[in-house]
């Protein structure tokens, strides 16, 4: 995946935050719209290699994300809401 300034992220999802940080991106635990949410393994049903999703909105203690290749029956991309819990990092633009 190419991020806004063409920093290439090429790892399993659980490694995206560390790789982004080492490439100069700001990474933190404060939810923000228009960021990439990085779910560590097991967080919100993430697989053993984690999961990433695009944050569309933050409403109190809830994230609205656009996710791809999530383990669910239905289309390959969908928008859903989920609680903000520990184990999620955010890569900011």
C-alpha atoms as a PDB file:
ATOM      1  CA  UNK A   1       0.000   0.000   0.000  1.00  0.00           C
ATOM      2  CA  UNK A   2       1.305   3.455  -0.828  1.00  0.00           C
ATOM      3  CA  UNK A   3       0.565   6.130   1.709  1.00  0.00           C
ATOM      4  CA  UNK A   4       0.223   9.815   0.954  1.00  0.00           C
ATOM      5  CA  UNK A   5       3.915  10.547   0.299  1.00  0.00           C
ATOM      6  CA  UNK A   6       4.698   7.220  -1.351  1.00  0.00           C
ATOM      7  CA  UNK A   7       6.126   5.552   1.759  1.00  0.00           C
ATOM      8  CA  UNK A   8       5.805   1.892   0.938  1.00  0.00           C
ATOM      9  CA  UNK A   9       4.370  -0.325   3.667  1.00  0.00           C
ATOM     10  CA  UNK A  10       5.035  -3.977   2.922  1.00  0.00           C
ATOM     11  CA  UNK A  11       4.533  -6.118   6.003  1.00  0.00           C
ATOM     12  CA  UNK A  12       1.807  -8.015   7.747  1.00  0.00           C
ATOM     13  CA  UNK A  13      -0.759  -5.684   9.261  1.00  0.00           C
ATOM     14  CA  UNK A  14       0.652  -6.012  12.786  1.00  0.00           C
ATOM     15  CA  UNK A  15       3.948  -4.511  11.526  1.00  0.00           C
ATOM     16  CA  UNK A  16       2.505  -1.494   9.709  1.00  0.00           C
ATOM     17  CA  UNK A  17       2.757   0.932  12.641  1.00  0.00           C
ATOM     18  CA  UNK A  18       6.421   0.138  13.308  1.00  0.00           C
ATOM     19  CA  UNK A  19       7.315   0.330   9.625  1.00  0.00           C
ATOM     20  CA  UNK A  20       5.431   3.609   9.165  1.00  0.00           C
ATOM     21  CA  UNK A  21       7.139   5.098  12.229  1.00  0.00           C
ATOM     22  CA  UNK A  22      10.584   4.073  10.954  1.00  0.00           C
ATOM     23  CA  UNK A  23       9.749   5.828   7.676  1.00  0.00           C
ATOM     24  CA  UNK A  24       8.919   9.123   9.382  1.00  0.00           C
ATOM     25  CA  UNK A  25       5.153   8.810   9.798  1.00  0.00           C
ATOM     26  CA  UNK A  26       3.519   9.827  13.057  1.00  0.00           C
ATOM     27  CA  UNK A  27       1.996   6.886  14.899  1.00  0.00           C
ATOM     28  CA  UNK A  28      -0.034   7.012  18.088  1.00  0.00           C
ATOM     29  CA  UNK A  29      -2.967   5.638  20.027  1.00  0.00           C
ATOM     30  CA  UNK A  30      -5.350   8.597  19.713  1.00  0.00           C
ATOM     31  CA  UNK A  31      -8.108   7.794  17.201  1.00  0.00           C
ATOM     32  CA  UNK A  32      -8.426  10.226  14.288  1.00  0.00           C
ATOM     33  CA  UNK A  33     -10.472  10.383  11.110  1.00  0.00           C
ATOM     34  CA  UNK A  34      -8.445   9.956   7.910  1.00  0.00           C
ATOM     35  CA  UNK A  35      -5.869   7.741   9.569  1.00  0.00           C
ATOM     36  CA  UNK A  36      -4.999   4.081   9.229  1.00  0.00           C
ATOM     37  CA  UNK A  37      -6.058   1.933  12.192  1.00  0.00           C
ATOM     38  CA  UNK A  38      -3.637  -0.915  12.917  1.00  0.00           C
ATOM     39  CA  UNK A  39      -5.203  -3.780  14.881  1.00  0.00           C
ATOM     40  CA  UNK A  40      -2.807  -6.092  16.651  1.00  0.00           C
ATOM     41  CA  UNK A  41      -3.512  -9.849  16.466  1.00  0.00           C
ATOM     42  CA  UNK A  42      -6.737 -10.756  18.269  1.00  0.00           C
ATOM     43  CA  UNK A  43      -7.988  -7.178  18.609  1.00  0.00           C
ATOM     44  CA  UNK A  44     -11.557  -6.933  17.290  1.00  0.00           C
ATOM     45  CA  UNK A  45     -11.206 -10.392  15.739  1.00  0.00           C
ATOM     46  CA  UNK A  46      -8.005  -9.536  13.851  1.00  0.00           C
ATOM     47  CA  UNK A  47      -6.112 -12.576  12.579  1.00  0.00           C
ATOM     48  CA  UNK A  48      -2.716 -13.767  13.798  1.00  0.00           C
ATOM     49  CA  UNK A  49      -1.072 -11.153  11.546  1.00  0.00           C
ATOM     50  CA  UNK A  50      -3.350  -8.274  12.604  1.00  0.00           C
ATOM     51  CA  UNK A  51      -5.554  -6.112  10.422  1.00  0.00           C
ATOM     52  CA  UNK A  52      -5.625  -2.543   9.079  1.00  0.00           C
ATOM     53  CA  UNK A  53      -8.562  -0.316   8.142  1.00  0.00           C
ATOM     54  CA  UNK A  54      -9.159   3.266   7.025  1.00  0.00           C
ATOM     55  CA  UNK A  55     -10.764   5.431   9.738  1.00  0.00           C
ATOM     56  CA  UNK A  56     -13.675   7.400   8.321  1.00  0.00           C
ATOM     57  CA  UNK A  57     -14.928   8.906  11.590  1.00  0.00           C
ATOM     58  CA  UNK A  58     -14.494   8.886  15.351  1.00  0.00           C
ATOM     59  CA  UNK A  59     -17.639   9.286  17.441  1.00  0.00           C
ATOM     60  CA  UNK A  60     -16.969   9.143  21.176  1.00  0.00           C
ATOM     61  CA  UNK A  61     -15.748   5.615  21.897  1.00  0.00           C
ATOM     62  CA  UNK A  62     -16.612   4.281  18.425  1.00  0.00           C
ATOM     63  CA  UNK A  63     -14.623   4.106  15.187  1.00  0.00           C
ATOM     64  CA  UNK A  64     -16.242   4.025  11.768  1.00  0.00           C
ATOM     65  CA  UNK A  65     -13.858   2.222   9.433  1.00  0.00           C
ATOM     66  CA  UNK A  66     -13.683   1.050   5.864  1.00  0.00           C
ATOM     67  CA  UNK A  67     -12.185  -2.433   5.888  1.00  0.00           C
ATOM     68  CA  UNK A  68     -11.037  -4.784   3.151  1.00  0.00           C
ATOM     69  CA  UNK A  69     -10.428  -8.549   3.199  1.00  0.00           C
ATOM     70  CA  UNK A  70     -12.020  -8.780   6.645  1.00  0.00           C
ATOM     71  CA  UNK A  71     -13.216 -12.228   7.678  1.00  0.00           C
ATOM     72  CA  UNK A  72     -16.931 -11.826   6.979  1.00  0.00           C
ATOM     73  CA  UNK A  73     -19.522 -13.093   4.541  1.00  0.00           C
ATOM     74  CA  UNK A  74     -20.250 -10.459   1.940  1.00  0.00           C
ATOM     75  CA  UNK A  75     -18.402  -7.988  -0.265  1.00  0.00           C
ATOM     76  CA  UNK A  76     -14.608  -7.601   0.021  1.00  0.00           C
ATOM     77  CA  UNK A  77     -14.918  -4.017   1.313  1.00  0.00           C
ATOM     78  CA  UNK A  78     -17.376  -2.649   3.794  1.00  0.00           C
ATOM     79  CA  UNK A  79     -17.932   0.124   6.328  1.00  0.00           C
ATOM     80  CA  UNK A  80     -18.645  -0.738   9.936  1.00  0.00           C
ATOM     81  CA  UNK A  81     -18.491   0.641  13.459  1.00  0.00           C
ATOM     82  CA  UNK A  82     -16.475  -0.856  16.280  1.00  0.00           C
ATOM     83  CA  UNK A  83     -15.442   0.131  19.785  1.00  0.00           C
ATOM     84  CA  UNK A  84     -12.142   1.852  20.452  1.00  0.00           C
ATOM     85  CA  UNK A  85     -10.138  -0.608  22.547  1.00  0.00           C
ATOM     86  CA  UNK A  86      -6.504  -1.056  23.532  1.00  0.00           C
ATOM     87  CA  UNK A  87      -4.325  -2.731  20.914  1.00  0.00           C
ATOM     88  CA  UNK A  88      -5.161  -0.280  18.121  1.00  0.00           C
ATOM     89  CA  UNK A  89      -2.532   2.133  16.805  1.00  0.00           C
ATOM     90  CA  UNK A  90      -3.132   4.889  14.270  1.00  0.00           C
ATOM     91  CA  UNK A  91      -0.926   6.065  11.429  1.00  0.00           C
ATOM     92  CA  UNK A  92      -1.635   9.752  10.857  1.00  0.00           C
ATOM     93  CA  UNK A  93      -1.398  11.572   7.516  1.00  0.00           C
END
